[in-house]
Protein backbone atom coordinates (compact mmCIF):
# COMPACT_ATOMS: atom_id res chain seq x y z
CA MET A 1 70.56 176.23 42.46
CA ALA A 2 72.07 177.33 39.21
CA VAL A 3 69.54 175.30 37.25
CA LYS A 4 66.75 177.05 39.19
CA GLU A 5 68.28 180.55 38.77
CA GLU A 6 68.13 179.95 34.91
CA VAL A 7 64.68 178.70 35.06
CA LYS A 8 63.36 181.86 36.64
CA GLU A 9 64.85 183.71 33.93
CA ILE A 10 62.85 181.63 31.28
CA VAL A 11 59.68 181.41 33.10
CA LYS A 12 58.47 184.42 35.18
CA GLY A 13 55.08 183.21 35.91
CA PHE A 14 56.03 180.17 38.38
CA THR A 15 58.93 179.57 40.64
CA LEU A 16 59.13 176.56 43.30
CA PRO A 17 58.06 177.86 46.62
CA ASN A 18 60.58 177.56 49.49
CA GLU A 19 58.77 175.81 51.90
CA LYS A 20 58.13 172.44 53.31
CA ILE A 21 54.93 170.58 53.85
CA THR A 22 53.94 167.73 55.88
CA ILE A 23 51.33 164.85 54.90
CA ARG A 24 49.69 163.45 57.88
CA PHE A 25 47.70 160.18 58.20
CA ILE A 26 44.21 160.46 59.77
CA LYS A 27 43.57 157.96 62.71
CA ARG A 28 40.39 156.66 62.72
CA ASN A 29 39.60 154.01 65.39
CA LYS A 30 36.96 151.91 63.53
CA GLY A 31 36.68 148.24 62.43
CA LEU A 32 39.62 146.05 63.44
CA ALA A 33 41.27 149.09 65.06
CA ALA A 34 38.18 150.23 66.92
CA ASP A 35 39.27 148.80 70.57
CA VAL A 36 43.10 148.84 70.18
CA ASN A 37 45.34 151.26 72.07
CA ASP A 38 47.62 153.79 70.44
CA ASN A 39 50.37 151.59 70.35
CA HIS A 40 48.93 148.69 68.63
CA VAL A 41 50.39 147.90 65.10
CA ILE A 42 46.79 148.59 63.62
CA SER A 43 45.97 151.68 65.65
CA GLY A 44 44.17 154.49 63.60
CA GLY A 45 42.88 151.95 61.11
CA MET A 46 46.50 151.52 59.16
CA ILE A 47 48.93 148.67 59.76
CA GLU A 48 52.71 149.84 60.60
CA GLY A 49 54.71 149.99 57.59
CA ALA A 50 51.67 149.62 55.00
CA THR A 51 51.65 152.23 52.37
CA ARG A 52 48.80 153.48 50.26
CA LYS A 53 49.86 154.74 46.71
CA PHE A 54 48.63 157.77 44.90
CA CYS A 55 49.30 158.27 41.17
CA VAL A 56 47.48 160.78 38.85
CA PRO A 57 43.79 160.21 39.13
CA LEU A 58 41.59 159.14 36.41
CA LEU A 59 38.78 161.27 35.26
CA ARG A 60 35.20 159.81 34.15
CA ASN A 61 36.24 159.68 30.48
CA GLY A 62 39.15 157.55 31.39
CA GLY A 63 41.99 160.51 30.75
CA LEU A 64 44.10 161.71 33.53
CA LYS A 65 43.41 164.79 35.69
CA ASN A 66 45.58 167.67 34.68
CA VAL A 67 47.77 168.23 37.77
CA LEU A 68 49.87 171.05 36.60
CA THR A 69 48.94 174.72 35.37
CA ASN A 70 50.49 175.88 32.22
CA GLU A 71 52.76 177.99 34.02
CA GLU A 72 54.19 175.04 36.05
CA LYS A 73 54.53 172.91 32.80
CA GLU A 74 56.41 175.40 30.93
CA PHE A 75 58.69 176.06 34.20
CA PHE A 76 59.61 172.33 34.43
CA GLU A 77 59.90 171.71 30.56
CA ASN A 78 62.51 174.56 30.33
CA GLY A 79 64.17 173.76 33.48
CA HIS A 80 64.76 170.62 35.88
CA PHE A 81 62.87 168.30 33.15
CA ASN A 82 64.09 169.76 30.11
CA GLY A 83 63.23 167.78 27.10
CA VAL A 84 60.52 165.93 28.93
CA LYS A 85 56.90 166.70 27.61
CA MET A 86 54.80 167.44 30.93
CA SER A 87 51.36 167.11 29.13
CA ILE A 88 48.78 165.09 30.71
CA TYR A 89 48.73 162.85 27.46
CA SER A 90 52.69 162.16 27.79
CA ASP A 91 53.91 158.73 29.36
CA PHE A 92 55.87 160.77 31.90
CA TRP A 93 52.65 160.52 34.17
CA LYS A 94 52.39 156.75 33.81
CA THR A 95 55.46 156.19 36.20
CA GLN A 96 54.49 159.21 38.83
CA TYR A 97 53.30 158.11 42.01
CA VAL A 98 53.24 159.09 45.74
CA SER A 99 53.54 156.37 48.41
CA LEU A 100 52.02 157.54 52.03
CA GLU A 101 52.20 155.55 55.12
CA LYS A 102 51.02 156.01 58.65
CA LEU A 103 54.03 157.81 59.65
CA ASP A 104 54.44 161.52 58.53
CA THR A 105 55.85 162.01 55.01
CA ILE A 106 57.54 165.54 54.47
CA LEU A 107 58.03 167.11 51.11
CA ASP A 108 60.26 169.94 50.25
CA LEU A 109 58.34 172.03 47.70
CA SER A 110 61.62 173.70 46.68
CA VAL A 111 62.65 170.31 45.03
CA PRO A 112 60.97 169.75 41.69
CA GLU A 113 60.13 165.97 42.26
CA ASP A 114 58.71 166.68 45.73
CA TYR A 115 56.78 169.47 44.24
CA LEU A 116 55.32 167.20 41.61
CA LYS A 117 54.28 164.75 44.23
CA TYR A 118 52.47 167.45 46.19
CA LYS A 119 50.56 168.44 43.04
CA ILE A 120 49.64 164.61 42.47
CA LEU A 121 48.23 164.64 46.26
CA LEU A 122 46.16 167.69 45.69
CA ALA A 123 44.46 165.97 42.91
CA TRP A 124 43.11 163.32 45.39
CA ASP A 125 40.86 166.10 46.91
CA ASP A 126 38.22 163.66 48.34
CA VAL A 127 41.10 161.60 50.03
CA ILE A 128 43.46 164.07 50.85
CA ALA A 129 42.71 167.47 52.87
CA PRO A 130 44.81 170.22 51.01
CA THR A 131 45.28 172.01 54.24
CA LEU A 132 44.66 171.66 57.99
CA GLN A 133 41.84 174.17 57.92
CA GLN A 134 40.21 172.42 55.29
CA TYR A 135 40.53 169.27 57.15
CA LYS A 136 38.72 170.83 60.03
CA LEU A 137 36.05 172.44 58.30
CA GLU A 138 34.76 169.65 56.64
CA ASN A 139 36.41 166.77 58.13
CA LYS A 140 35.04 164.44 55.41
CA GLY A 141 34.61 160.91 56.18
CA THR A 142 36.61 159.91 53.04
CA TYR A 143 39.76 161.80 54.29
CA GLN A 144 42.56 159.67 54.85
CA PHE A 145 45.41 162.29 55.03
CA TYR A 146 45.96 165.93 55.41
CA ILE A 147 48.22 168.51 54.38
CA THR A 148 49.80 170.83 56.78
CA LYS A 149 52.45 173.62 56.19
CA ASP A 150 55.51 174.47 58.47
CA GLY A 151 54.16 176.41 61.63
CA GLU A 152 50.39 176.08 60.45
CA GLU A 153 49.68 173.49 63.22
CA LEU A 154 51.44 175.66 66.01
CA LYS A 155 49.39 178.64 64.78
CA ASP A 156 46.35 176.47 65.09
CA ARG A 157 47.32 175.30 68.50
CA SER A 158 47.87 179.07 69.61
CA LYS A 159 44.39 179.79 68.20
CA LYS A 160 42.98 177.03 70.24
CA LEU A 161 44.62 178.10 73.27
CA ASP A 162 43.43 181.77 72.93
CA LEU A 163 39.90 180.36 72.50
CA ILE A 164 39.89 178.25 75.57
CA LYS A 165 41.40 181.22 77.79
CA ALA A 166 38.64 183.55 76.46
CA ALA A 167 35.95 180.88 77.27
CA TRP A 168 37.35 180.01 80.87
CA LYS A 169 37.43 183.73 81.31
CA GLU A 170 33.46 184.09 80.37
CA TYR A 171 32.68 180.90 82.60
CA TYR A 172 34.58 182.60 85.76
CA LYS A 173 32.39 185.65 85.55
CA LEU A 174 29.20 183.28 85.50
CA GLU A 175 30.20 180.52 87.81
CA ASP A 176 28.20 181.71 90.58
CA ASN A 177 25.17 182.61 88.71
CA LYS A 178 22.78 179.82 88.93
CA ASP A 179 20.22 181.02 86.31
CA ALA A 180 22.77 181.60 83.70
CA LEU A 181 24.31 178.42 83.91
CA VAL A 182 21.29 176.38 84.03
CA SER A 183 20.26 178.29 80.71
CA ILE A 184 23.51 177.48 79.23
CA VAL A 185 23.07 173.52 79.73
CA TYR A 186 19.56 173.76 78.24
CA LEU A 187 20.40 176.08 75.45
CA MET A 188 23.45 173.97 74.52
CA THR A 189 22.17 170.45 75.23
CA GLY A 190 18.36 170.67 75.47
CA LYS A 191 18.85 169.26 78.86
CA LYS A 192 16.58 170.65 81.71
CA LEU A 193 18.55 170.56 84.89
CA SER A 194 16.46 169.73 88.28
CA GLU A 195 15.72 172.75 90.56
CA ASN A 196 17.22 170.71 93.57
CA SER A 197 20.56 170.48 91.14
CA THR A 198 23.70 171.55 93.61
CA MET A 199 25.89 174.40 92.19
CA LYS A 200 28.76 171.78 92.14
CA PHE A 201 27.13 169.65 89.81
CA ILE A 202 25.65 172.48 87.60
CA ASN A 203 29.17 174.02 87.43
CA THR A 204 30.56 170.65 86.42
CA GLU A 205 27.97 170.22 83.78
CA VAL A 206 29.06 173.80 82.23
CA GLU A 207 32.74 173.13 82.61
CA THR A 208 32.12 170.11 80.56
CA LEU A 209 30.90 172.18 77.81
CA VAL A 210 33.39 174.77 78.10
CA ASP A 211 35.97 171.94 77.37
CA THR A 212 34.34 169.99 74.69
CA ARG A 213 32.28 172.71 72.99
CA THR A 214 34.42 175.85 73.63
CA LYS A 215 33.40 177.70 70.26
CA ASP A 216 29.78 177.12 70.88
CA PHE A 217 30.07 178.03 74.24
CA LEU A 218 31.69 181.41 73.82
CA ALA A 219 29.43 182.19 71.02
CA LEU A 220 26.43 181.71 73.34
CA VAL A 221 27.62 183.74 76.25
CA GLU A 222 29.08 186.47 73.89
CA ASP A 223 25.64 186.83 72.23
CA PRO A 224 24.22 190.16 72.94
CA ASN A 225 20.88 188.56 73.43
CA PHE A 226 22.07 186.01 75.95
CA GLU A 227 20.21 187.74 78.93
CA THR A 228 17.01 187.27 76.92
CA LYS A 229 17.72 183.78 75.88
CA THR A 230 18.24 183.06 79.60
CA LEU A 231 14.96 184.67 80.59
CA ILE A 232 13.08 182.82 78.28
CA THR A 233 14.72 179.66 79.37
CA LEU A 234 14.17 180.40 83.12
CA ALA A 235 10.61 181.18 82.18
CA GLU A 236 10.02 178.08 80.39
CA ASN A 237 11.47 176.06 83.19
CA VAL A 238 8.85 177.09 85.90
CA GLY A 239 5.94 177.07 83.38
CA ILE A 240 5.62 180.93 82.50
CA VAL A 241 6.56 180.39 78.94
CA LEU A 242 5.36 177.38 77.03
CA LYS A 243 7.01 175.60 73.85
CA LYS A 244 4.73 173.77 71.71
CA ASN A 245 6.00 172.09 68.76
CA GLY A 246 8.92 174.54 68.82
CA LYS A 247 7.00 177.51 69.35
CA TYR A 248 7.10 179.77 72.14
CA GLU A 249 3.96 181.35 73.91
CA THR A 250 3.16 182.40 77.41
CA VAL A 251 0.96 180.49 79.85
CA ASP A 252 -1.93 182.85 78.92
CA GLY A 253 -1.67 182.23 75.33
CA LEU A 254 0.34 185.09 73.92
CA THR A 255 2.60 184.33 70.96
CA LEU A 256 6.09 185.44 71.43
CA ALA A 257 6.40 186.66 67.82
CA LYS A 258 5.44 189.36 65.54
CA GLN A 259 2.13 188.69 63.78
CA GLY A 260 2.90 186.55 60.79
CA GLU A 261 6.30 185.14 62.25
CA ILE A 262 6.75 181.69 63.68
CA ALA A 263 7.48 181.98 67.52
CA SER A 264 10.94 180.17 67.12
CA LEU A 265 13.56 181.17 69.81
CA VAL A 266 15.05 183.52 67.33
CA ASN A 267 11.84 185.54 66.98
CA ALA A 268 11.08 185.19 70.36
CA VAL A 269 14.16 186.81 71.42
CA LYS A 270 13.45 189.61 68.88
CA TYR A 271 10.03 190.05 70.19
CA LEU A 272 11.19 190.63 73.98
CA ILE A 273 13.74 192.88 73.11
CA ASP A 274 11.43 195.19 71.21
CA PRO A 275 10.88 198.06 73.30
CA LYS A 276 7.14 197.84 72.13
CA ASN A 277 6.95 194.64 73.89
CA HIS A 278 8.51 195.81 77.21
CA GLU A 279 5.24 195.46 79.23
CA VAL A 280 5.15 191.43 78.08
CA ARG A 281 9.01 191.33 78.93
CA ASP A 282 8.46 192.89 82.33
CA LEU A 283 5.59 190.58 83.32
CA ILE A 284 7.71 187.56 82.62
CA GLU A 285 10.43 188.72 84.54
CA ALA A 286 8.27 189.40 87.46
CA ARG A 287 6.43 186.11 87.23
CA VAL A 288 10.08 184.47 87.07
CA LYS A 289 11.23 186.30 90.25
CA THR A 290 8.06 185.38 92.10
CA SER A 291 8.32 181.75 91.11
CA LYS A 292 11.85 181.43 92.98
C-alpha cells in the first residue's frame, strides 16, 4: 500500500480503481456443442480446462496496439514498474498475455498486474465485450467473452424483474379484452388469429409474448396510439381496411394517409388520430362493431 500512496503523489492523473471485474465465457451451442447438455465437457463450445490466450493485438501495420493511456504509462513507470519502459515499442509487452478459460476469471483492478491484463483484454473489442450492457446491446457473433463489474449483473437482473412485473401488470389489464389481445399477436408477430380462437388459446399466445418479448410487449401496449393500432388491425381482419403492398386503405379505396405520404401503419395511425379525419375513423369503428 505504501507504494500506491507514493505513486498517487507523483502522478495525480490516474490511480488504480478499487474494484474487481469478472470475465465470463459466452456459451454458444453450435458445431460439436450443438446437441450436448450443460454438464458436457464441451458444452457452450469450449472444452473444460482449455484456455484462450490474449496478448496485445497487432495493428494492420504490424505494430502493437497501444493499450495504455499516457497517464497510465507514467503511473506505472514511476511506481510498481519503476525502471520499466511501458512504451508499446518496448520488449515488456512481448511477455504480457492473459489466459481465459470456460470458468470465470476475476481480476482485481487495484493490483497493477491485473489492471494491465484488463487493458489488454479491452483491446480485443471484437472478441471481448467491454461491459455486460455492450454485450447485450450488440451481441456480436464474434464475442467470446464479456466483462462485468461487481454488482452489474445483480442490477441487470433487478431491471429485468421490474420490466417483467410491469409487463404482466399491463397484460392483466387486457387479459379479457379479446380485440386488444388479437391485435397484440398480429402487431408483434404478423399472425392473424382465427375468429374461432378460444380466449384460452389467445391468452396463451399473448402470455408467450409477454415472457419472450417483454420489452416489445410493453412498448406496444404503452404506446399512446395502441388503441388506434388495434382499430386498424381489427378493421383489416374483417376486410374493412385493406393492406396492399404494405399500404393501408379502406375497402372503398380511401388511402389512410395524408396526400403525398405512403400509407404505412405509422402514417395510417397519424391519419386516424387527426381530428380532421374523425368521420373516417367513426365510420371504420361503426363498421367493425357491426361486423361482430
